[in-house]
Structure formats: C-alpha cells, structure tokens
C-alpha cells in the first residue's frame, strides 16, 4: 500500500493528493480515512461527507469492475480547480463499461453512479491517462 501527497506543477489545476490502493475490500474504508485526513488541511467548504460517500462508491466500482491480466491498483487523485474540488478514481477496466444503472427497488447493488450523479455538481467517465478507466466528479464552490 502506498500513499503519496505531492503537488502537481500545473498551477491551473494543482493536485492536492493521491493514493494508490490494492483492489481489495479493505481499500474502501482506507480510501475514506485517508481522504478525510489529507484533505482537512486544505479546509474545503464543500461536504467532506458527500465526497467520502462518492469516493467509497467509485472505489468499490473500480475494485469490482477493474480488469487486468497483470497485478493492478486503484488510483485516487484530488485536485483544486479554481473554487472546485475534482476527484478522480482510476482502474484498469474498460471505459465503455461505465454506465448508470436503474436498479429495481429490491436490488442490493447498482446505485453508485446514481449517487454520484445526484450529489456531485458534475461527473465524467472515460479513458484514464494510466490506461483503463477514470471516473471523476467535481464539487463546485469547495473554496470561497
């Protein structure tokens, strides 16, 4: 398990932090704890609890749907973009397989992207610069 907290040299979108997680169930609560700990010094005004919920959903999806013949990891990165907070979750899955489902009332799964869509100000999925898939979301007005 590795964690890095470093600055991105791009002033228009500085990276505030990043974490690399093994694709195991234990990584979901670890991602929540680490994000809360390492975003706190930046004092965002958006709901950290909402961000943590969405990170949990996206890391869970990354673990469930990431695919590779080689050992792989889930990467989470967060950026400040003006007054917004953008969070990305990368995995080696196929970008075309990301889709919002409409689960039935009794279904136990399938609500992750619905939550992202309803809570985040915007979200996106597509090819990751690391290969595979990235799903990101933004929380507007995260800083005054």
N, C-alpha and C. Protein backbone atom coordinates (compact mmCIF):
# COMPACT_ATOMS: atom_id res chain seq x y z
N UNK A 1 0.85 -1.16 0.00
CA UNK A 1 0.00 0.00 0.00
C UNK A 1 0.90 1.22 0.00
N UNK A 2 0.61 2.15 -0.87
CA UNK A 2 1.41 3.35 -0.95
C UNK A 2 0.50 4.56 -0.89
N UNK A 3 1.02 5.62 -0.32
CA UNK A 3 0.31 6.89 -0.31
C UNK A 3 1.30 7.96 -0.68
N UNK A 4 0.92 8.84 -1.55
CA UNK A 4 1.76 9.99 -1.87
C UNK A 4 0.91 11.23 -1.76
N UNK A 5 1.50 12.25 -1.23
CA UNK A 5 0.86 13.55 -1.16
C UNK A 5 1.87 14.52 -1.74
N UNK A 6 1.67 14.88 -2.99
CA UNK A 6 2.62 15.77 -3.64
C UNK A 6 1.87 16.78 -4.48
N UNK A 7 2.55 17.80 -4.85
CA UNK A 7 1.95 18.88 -5.62
C UNK A 7 2.15 18.65 -7.11
N UNK A 8 1.14 18.98 -7.86
CA UNK A 8 1.21 18.93 -9.30
C UNK A 8 1.73 20.28 -9.78
N UNK A 9 2.70 20.30 -10.69
CA UNK A 9 3.28 21.58 -11.12
C UNK A 9 2.35 22.45 -11.95
N UNK A 10 1.18 21.94 -12.35
CA UNK A 10 0.26 22.74 -13.18
C UNK A 10 -0.51 23.71 -12.28
N UNK A 11 -0.25 25.01 -12.37
CA UNK A 11 -0.92 25.95 -11.47
C UNK A 11 -2.42 26.05 -11.70
N UNK A 12 -2.92 25.72 -12.90
CA UNK A 12 -4.35 25.84 -13.15
C UNK A 12 -5.14 24.71 -12.50
N UNK A 13 -4.48 23.65 -12.13
CA UNK A 13 -5.17 22.51 -11.53
C UNK A 13 -4.21 21.76 -10.61
N UNK A 14 -3.84 22.36 -9.48
CA UNK A 14 -2.87 21.68 -8.63
C UNK A 14 -3.44 20.43 -7.99
N UNK A 15 -2.65 19.36 -8.05
CA UNK A 15 -3.06 18.14 -7.39
C UNK A 15 -2.80 18.30 -5.90
N UNK A 16 -3.82 18.05 -5.10
CA UNK A 16 -3.70 18.17 -3.66
C UNK A 16 -3.26 16.87 -3.01
N UNK A 17 -3.56 15.74 -3.65
CA UNK A 17 -3.17 14.46 -3.09
C UNK A 17 -3.50 13.31 -4.01
N UNK A 18 -2.92 12.17 -3.69
CA UNK A 18 -3.16 10.95 -4.46
C UNK A 18 -2.92 9.76 -3.56
N UNK A 19 -3.63 8.68 -3.83
CA UNK A 19 -3.39 7.44 -3.11
C UNK A 19 -3.52 6.27 -4.09
N UNK A 20 -2.73 5.25 -3.82
CA UNK A 20 -2.76 4.04 -4.61
C UNK A 20 -3.22 2.92 -3.69
N UNK A 21 -4.23 2.18 -4.13
CA UNK A 21 -4.88 1.17 -3.30
C UNK A 21 -4.88 -0.18 -3.99
N UNK A 22 -4.75 -1.24 -3.21
CA UNK A 22 -4.91 -2.58 -3.75
C UNK A 22 -6.39 -2.83 -4.03
N UNK A 23 -6.70 -3.64 -5.02
CA UNK A 23 -8.11 -3.90 -5.35
C UNK A 23 -8.75 -4.93 -4.41
N UNK A 24 -8.84 -4.54 -3.13
CA UNK A 24 -9.45 -5.40 -2.11
C UNK A 24 -10.50 -4.60 -1.36
N UNK A 25 -11.41 -5.29 -0.72
CA UNK A 25 -12.49 -4.62 0.02
C UNK A 25 -11.94 -3.70 1.12
N UNK A 26 -10.81 -4.04 1.72
CA UNK A 26 -10.24 -3.22 2.79
C UNK A 26 -9.82 -1.83 2.29
N UNK A 27 -9.64 -1.69 1.00
CA UNK A 27 -9.22 -0.40 0.45
C UNK A 27 -10.32 0.65 0.48
N UNK A 28 -11.57 0.23 0.53
CA UNK A 28 -12.68 1.20 0.54
C UNK A 28 -12.67 2.03 1.82
N UNK A 29 -12.67 1.43 3.02
CA UNK A 29 -12.59 2.27 4.22
C UNK A 29 -11.25 3.01 4.34
N UNK A 30 -10.19 2.41 3.84
CA UNK A 30 -8.89 3.09 3.85
C UNK A 30 -8.95 4.37 3.00
N UNK A 31 -9.57 4.30 1.84
CA UNK A 31 -9.70 5.48 0.97
C UNK A 31 -10.49 6.57 1.69
N UNK A 32 -11.55 6.19 2.38
CA UNK A 32 -12.35 7.18 3.13
C UNK A 32 -11.49 7.87 4.20
N UNK A 33 -10.80 7.06 5.00
CA UNK A 33 -9.99 7.62 6.09
C UNK A 33 -8.88 8.51 5.56
N UNK A 34 -8.16 8.04 4.55
CA UNK A 34 -7.03 8.82 4.03
C UNK A 34 -7.50 10.12 3.40
N UNK A 35 -8.57 10.07 2.63
CA UNK A 35 -9.05 11.30 2.01
C UNK A 35 -9.43 12.31 3.10
N UNK A 36 -10.18 11.88 4.10
CA UNK A 36 -10.58 12.80 5.17
C UNK A 36 -9.36 13.41 5.86
N UNK A 37 -8.38 12.60 6.12
CA UNK A 37 -7.17 13.07 6.81
C UNK A 37 -6.39 14.07 5.96
N UNK A 38 -6.21 13.77 4.68
CA UNK A 38 -5.32 14.58 3.86
C UNK A 38 -6.00 15.74 3.14
N UNK A 39 -7.33 15.79 3.12
CA UNK A 39 -8.00 16.96 2.56
C UNK A 39 -8.21 18.02 3.64
N UNK A 40 -8.25 17.61 4.90
CA UNK A 40 -8.56 18.52 6.01
C UNK A 40 -7.68 19.77 6.05
N UNK A 41 -6.36 19.68 5.84
CA UNK A 41 -5.55 20.91 5.90
C UNK A 41 -5.91 21.96 4.84
N UNK A 42 -6.60 21.55 3.78
CA UNK A 42 -6.99 22.49 2.72
C UNK A 42 -8.30 23.20 3.03
N UNK A 43 -8.99 22.77 4.07
CA UNK A 43 -10.22 23.42 4.56
C UNK A 43 -11.27 23.67 3.48
N UNK A 44 -11.65 22.66 2.73
CA UNK A 44 -12.71 22.90 1.75
C UNK A 44 -14.04 23.17 2.46
N UNK A 45 -14.90 23.94 1.81
CA UNK A 45 -16.20 24.26 2.39
C UNK A 45 -17.31 23.34 1.88
N UNK A 46 -16.98 22.48 0.91
CA UNK A 46 -17.99 21.51 0.44
C UNK A 46 -18.11 20.40 1.48
N UNK A 47 -19.11 19.58 1.34
CA UNK A 47 -19.34 18.49 2.28
C UNK A 47 -18.30 17.38 2.09
N UNK A 48 -17.43 17.23 3.07
CA UNK A 48 -16.44 16.15 3.03
C UNK A 48 -17.17 14.81 3.12
N UNK A 49 -18.25 14.75 3.88
CA UNK A 49 -19.01 13.51 3.99
C UNK A 49 -19.56 13.08 2.63
N UNK A 50 -20.05 14.03 1.83
CA UNK A 50 -20.52 13.70 0.49
C UNK A 50 -19.36 13.19 -0.37
N UNK A 51 -18.22 13.85 -0.30
CA UNK A 51 -17.05 13.40 -1.07
C UNK A 51 -16.65 11.99 -0.67
N UNK A 52 -16.63 11.72 0.63
CA UNK A 52 -16.25 10.40 1.13
C UNK A 52 -17.23 9.34 0.64
N UNK A 53 -18.52 9.64 0.66
CA UNK A 53 -19.52 8.70 0.15
C UNK A 53 -19.26 8.39 -1.33
N UNK A 54 -19.02 9.42 -2.12
CA UNK A 54 -18.81 9.22 -3.56
C UNK A 54 -17.50 8.49 -3.83
N UNK A 55 -16.46 8.80 -3.08
CA UNK A 55 -15.20 8.06 -3.21
C UNK A 55 -15.43 6.59 -2.89
N UNK A 56 -16.18 6.30 -1.83
CA UNK A 56 -16.49 4.91 -1.48
C UNK A 56 -17.17 4.19 -2.63
N UNK A 57 -18.15 4.84 -3.23
CA UNK A 57 -18.87 4.23 -4.34
C UNK A 57 -17.95 3.98 -5.53
N UNK A 58 -17.12 4.97 -5.87
CA UNK A 58 -16.27 4.82 -7.06
C UNK A 58 -15.13 3.85 -6.83
N UNK A 59 -14.55 3.82 -5.63
CA UNK A 59 -13.50 2.84 -5.34
C UNK A 59 -14.09 1.43 -5.35
N UNK A 60 -15.29 1.28 -4.80
CA UNK A 60 -15.95 -0.03 -4.84
C UNK A 60 -16.16 -0.46 -6.29
N UNK A 61 -16.67 0.44 -7.13
CA UNK A 61 -16.87 0.11 -8.54
C UNK A 61 -15.54 -0.23 -9.22
N UNK A 62 -14.50 0.54 -8.91
CA UNK A 62 -13.19 0.28 -9.51
C UNK A 62 -12.70 -1.11 -9.15
N UNK A 63 -12.88 -1.51 -7.90
CA UNK A 63 -12.46 -2.84 -7.46
C UNK A 63 -13.30 -3.92 -8.12
N UNK A 64 -14.61 -3.71 -8.20
CA UNK A 64 -15.49 -4.72 -8.78
C UNK A 64 -15.30 -4.88 -10.29
N UNK A 65 -15.04 -3.77 -10.99
CA UNK A 65 -15.06 -3.82 -12.45
C UNK A 65 -13.70 -3.64 -13.10
N UNK A 66 -12.65 -3.36 -12.33
CA UNK A 66 -11.31 -3.27 -12.89
C UNK A 66 -10.86 -4.64 -13.39
N UNK A 67 -10.21 -4.68 -14.51
CA UNK A 67 -9.76 -5.94 -15.09
C UNK A 67 -8.36 -5.78 -15.68
N UNK A 68 -7.50 -6.74 -15.38
CA UNK A 68 -6.16 -6.76 -15.97
C UNK A 68 -5.58 -8.15 -15.80
N UNK A 69 -4.76 -8.56 -16.74
CA UNK A 69 -4.05 -9.83 -16.62
C UNK A 69 -2.83 -9.68 -15.71
N UNK A 70 -2.42 -8.46 -15.46
CA UNK A 70 -1.28 -8.14 -14.60
C UNK A 70 -1.78 -7.70 -13.23
N UNK A 71 -0.94 -7.74 -12.20
CA UNK A 71 -1.34 -7.13 -10.92
C UNK A 71 -1.70 -5.65 -11.15
N UNK A 72 -2.70 -5.16 -10.46
CA UNK A 72 -3.16 -3.80 -10.71
C UNK A 72 -3.56 -3.11 -9.43
N UNK A 73 -3.75 -1.79 -9.54
CA UNK A 73 -4.13 -0.95 -8.40
C UNK A 73 -5.25 -0.01 -8.80
N UNK A 74 -5.86 0.56 -7.80
CA UNK A 74 -6.84 1.64 -7.97
C UNK A 74 -6.12 2.90 -7.54
N UNK A 75 -6.22 3.95 -8.33
CA UNK A 75 -5.57 5.21 -8.01
C UNK A 75 -6.65 6.27 -7.80
N UNK A 76 -6.54 7.02 -6.70
CA UNK A 76 -7.45 8.12 -6.40
C UNK A 76 -6.62 9.39 -6.33
N UNK A 77 -7.05 10.42 -7.03
CA UNK A 77 -6.36 11.71 -7.01
C UNK A 77 -7.38 12.81 -6.81
N UNK A 78 -6.96 13.89 -6.14
CA UNK A 78 -7.86 15.02 -5.97
C UNK A 78 -7.12 16.31 -6.28
N UNK A 79 -7.86 17.23 -6.90
CA UNK A 79 -7.32 18.47 -7.45
C UNK A 79 -8.18 19.65 -7.05
N UNK A 80 -7.52 20.79 -6.97
CA UNK A 80 -8.25 22.05 -6.86
C UNK A 80 -8.28 22.67 -8.24
N UNK A 81 -9.47 22.98 -8.70
CA UNK A 81 -9.66 23.65 -10.00
C UNK A 81 -10.46 24.91 -9.75
N UNK A 82 -9.77 26.02 -9.58
CA UNK A 82 -10.45 27.26 -9.22
C UNK A 82 -11.07 27.08 -7.85
N UNK A 83 -12.38 27.24 -7.76
CA UNK A 83 -13.06 27.06 -6.48
C UNK A 83 -13.66 25.65 -6.34
N UNK A 84 -13.41 24.77 -7.32
CA UNK A 84 -13.97 23.42 -7.29
C UNK A 84 -12.95 22.38 -6.83
N UNK A 85 -13.46 21.30 -6.29
CA UNK A 85 -12.67 20.13 -5.93
C UNK A 85 -13.03 19.03 -6.91
N UNK A 86 -12.02 18.48 -7.61
CA UNK A 86 -12.25 17.38 -8.56
C UNK A 86 -11.54 16.15 -8.02
N UNK A 87 -12.25 15.03 -7.99
CA UNK A 87 -11.71 13.77 -7.51
C UNK A 87 -11.81 12.75 -8.64
N UNK A 88 -10.69 12.05 -8.88
CA UNK A 88 -10.63 11.04 -9.94
C UNK A 88 -10.35 9.68 -9.33
N UNK A 89 -10.98 8.65 -9.88
CA UNK A 89 -10.70 7.26 -9.49
C UNK A 89 -10.37 6.50 -10.77
N UNK A 90 -9.15 5.93 -10.80
CA UNK A 90 -8.63 5.23 -11.97
C UNK A 90 -8.56 3.73 -11.70
N UNK A 91 -8.90 2.92 -12.73
CA UNK A 91 -8.73 1.47 -12.65
C UNK A 91 -8.48 0.94 -14.05
N UNK A 92 -8.02 -0.31 -14.17
CA UNK A 92 -7.70 -0.85 -15.50
C UNK A 92 -8.89 -1.41 -16.26
N UNK A 93 -10.10 -1.06 -15.88
CA UNK A 93 -11.29 -1.55 -16.59
C UNK A 93 -11.47 -0.87 -17.93
N UNK A 94 -12.55 -1.22 -18.60
CA UNK A 94 -12.84 -0.68 -19.93
C UNK A 94 -13.76 0.54 -19.79
N UNK A 95 -13.36 1.69 -20.35
CA UNK A 95 -14.19 2.90 -20.21
C UNK A 95 -15.62 2.73 -20.71
N UNK A 96 -15.80 1.92 -21.74
CA UNK A 96 -17.15 1.76 -22.31
C UNK A 96 -18.09 1.03 -21.35
N UNK A 97 -17.53 0.34 -20.34
CA UNK A 97 -18.40 -0.42 -19.43
C UNK A 97 -18.97 0.44 -18.30
N UNK A 98 -18.57 1.70 -18.19
CA UNK A 98 -19.12 2.59 -17.16
C UNK A 98 -20.50 3.04 -17.62
N UNK A 99 -21.49 2.72 -16.81
CA UNK A 99 -22.85 3.14 -17.18
C UNK A 99 -23.69 3.28 -15.91
N UNK A 100 -24.60 4.20 -15.95
CA UNK A 100 -25.52 4.39 -14.85
C UNK A 100 -26.66 3.38 -15.01
N UNK A 101 -26.92 2.66 -13.94
CA UNK A 101 -27.99 1.67 -13.96
C UNK A 101 -29.23 2.23 -13.28
N UNK A 102 -30.34 1.62 -13.56
CA UNK A 102 -31.61 1.95 -12.92
C UNK A 102 -32.09 0.70 -12.18
N UNK A 103 -31.54 0.45 -10.98
CA UNK A 103 -31.90 -0.78 -10.27
C UNK A 103 -33.35 -0.77 -9.79
N UNK A 104 -33.88 -1.95 -9.66
CA UNK A 104 -35.21 -2.11 -9.08
C UNK A 104 -35.13 -1.82 -7.58
N UNK A 105 -36.25 -1.56 -6.96
CA UNK A 105 -36.29 -1.20 -5.54
C UNK A 105 -35.59 -2.23 -4.67
N UNK A 106 -35.73 -3.51 -4.94
CA UNK A 106 -35.15 -4.55 -4.10
C UNK A 106 -33.71 -4.90 -4.43
N UNK A 107 -33.15 -4.33 -5.49
CA UNK A 107 -31.77 -4.65 -5.85
C UNK A 107 -30.80 -4.12 -4.80
N UNK A 108 -29.82 -4.94 -4.44
CA UNK A 108 -28.85 -4.56 -3.42
C UNK A 108 -27.71 -3.72 -4.00
N UNK A 109 -27.53 -3.72 -5.30
CA UNK A 109 -26.40 -3.01 -5.93
C UNK A 109 -26.89 -2.15 -7.09
N UNK A 110 -25.97 -1.34 -7.62
CA UNK A 110 -26.27 -0.61 -8.84
C UNK A 110 -26.64 0.85 -8.65
N UNK A 111 -26.38 1.41 -7.45
CA UNK A 111 -26.77 2.80 -7.20
C UNK A 111 -25.58 3.77 -7.13
N UNK A 112 -24.36 3.28 -7.30
CA UNK A 112 -23.18 4.12 -7.14
C UNK A 112 -23.16 5.34 -8.03
N UNK A 113 -23.32 5.14 -9.32
CA UNK A 113 -23.29 6.30 -10.23
C UNK A 113 -24.54 7.16 -10.08
N UNK A 114 -25.65 6.58 -9.67
CA UNK A 114 -26.84 7.40 -9.38
C UNK A 114 -26.54 8.37 -8.23
N UNK A 115 -25.84 7.88 -7.21
CA UNK A 115 -25.44 8.76 -6.11
C UNK A 115 -24.50 9.85 -6.59
N UNK A 116 -23.50 9.46 -7.38
CA UNK A 116 -22.56 10.44 -7.92
C UNK A 116 -23.32 11.50 -8.72
N UNK A 117 -24.22 11.05 -9.57
CA UNK A 117 -24.99 11.96 -10.41
C UNK A 117 -25.87 12.91 -9.60
N UNK A 118 -26.41 12.42 -8.49
CA UNK A 118 -27.32 13.26 -7.71
C UNK A 118 -26.60 14.17 -6.71
N UNK A 119 -25.40 13.82 -6.27
CA UNK A 119 -24.70 14.61 -5.25
C UNK A 119 -23.66 15.55 -5.85
N UNK A 120 -22.86 15.05 -6.77
CA UNK A 120 -21.79 15.87 -7.36
C UNK A 120 -22.38 16.93 -8.28
N UNK A 121 -21.64 18.02 -8.45
CA UNK A 121 -22.09 19.05 -9.38
C UNK A 121 -21.90 18.62 -10.82
N UNK A 122 -20.91 17.76 -11.06
CA UNK A 122 -20.71 17.17 -12.39
C UNK A 122 -19.88 15.91 -12.23
N UNK A 123 -19.94 15.05 -13.23
CA UNK A 123 -19.10 13.86 -13.24
C UNK A 123 -18.80 13.47 -14.66
N UNK A 124 -17.77 12.64 -14.82
CA UNK A 124 -17.30 12.25 -16.15
C UNK A 124 -16.67 10.86 -16.05
N UNK A 125 -16.76 10.10 -17.12
CA UNK A 125 -16.01 8.85 -17.23
C UNK A 125 -15.38 8.79 -18.60
N UNK A 126 -14.27 8.09 -18.69
CA UNK A 126 -13.58 7.95 -19.96
C UNK A 126 -12.26 7.23 -19.78
N UNK A 127 -11.42 7.28 -20.81
CA UNK A 127 -10.12 6.62 -20.72
C UNK A 127 -9.21 7.33 -19.71
N UNK A 128 -8.50 6.54 -18.94
CA UNK A 128 -7.56 7.08 -17.95
C UNK A 128 -6.19 7.30 -18.60
N UNK A 129 -5.49 8.32 -18.17
CA UNK A 129 -4.13 8.55 -18.67
C UNK A 129 -3.17 7.45 -18.22
N UNK A 130 -3.59 6.63 -17.25
CA UNK A 130 -2.79 5.49 -16.80
C UNK A 130 -3.14 4.22 -17.57
N UNK A 131 -4.09 4.31 -18.49
CA UNK A 131 -4.65 3.13 -19.15
C UNK A 131 -5.88 2.71 -18.37
N UNK A 132 -6.85 2.15 -19.03
CA UNK A 132 -8.08 1.75 -18.35
C UNK A 132 -9.08 2.89 -18.30
N UNK A 133 -9.72 3.04 -17.14
CA UNK A 133 -10.85 3.94 -16.97
C UNK A 133 -10.61 4.94 -15.86
N UNK A 134 -11.14 6.14 -16.04
CA UNK A 134 -11.22 7.10 -14.94
C UNK A 134 -12.68 7.55 -14.83
N UNK A 135 -13.14 7.62 -13.59
CA UNK A 135 -14.42 8.25 -13.30
C UNK A 135 -14.10 9.37 -12.33
N UNK A 136 -14.54 10.57 -12.66
CA UNK A 136 -14.25 11.73 -11.82
C UNK A 136 -15.54 12.47 -11.50
N UNK A 137 -15.48 13.22 -10.41
CA UNK A 137 -16.60 14.09 -10.07
C UNK A 137 -16.05 15.39 -9.52
N UNK A 138 -16.87 16.43 -9.61
CA UNK A 138 -16.48 17.75 -9.12
C UNK A 138 -17.52 18.26 -8.12
N UNK A 139 -17.00 18.92 -7.10
CA UNK A 139 -17.83 19.60 -6.12
C UNK A 139 -17.53 21.10 -6.32
N UNK A 140 -18.52 21.84 -6.78
CA UNK A 140 -18.34 23.26 -7.05
C UNK A 140 -18.28 24.03 -5.72
N UNK A 141 -17.68 25.20 -5.77
CA UNK A 141 -17.61 26.09 -4.61
C UNK A 141 -17.04 25.40 -3.37
N UNK A 142 -16.00 24.59 -3.60
CA UNK A 142 -15.35 23.89 -2.49
C UNK A 142 -14.45 24.84 -1.68
N UNK A 143 -14.10 25.98 -2.28
CA UNK A 143 -13.34 27.01 -1.59
C UNK A 143 -13.94 28.37 -1.91
N UNK A 144 -13.97 29.21 -0.94
CA UNK A 144 -14.53 30.56 -1.13
C UNK A 144 -13.53 31.47 -1.81
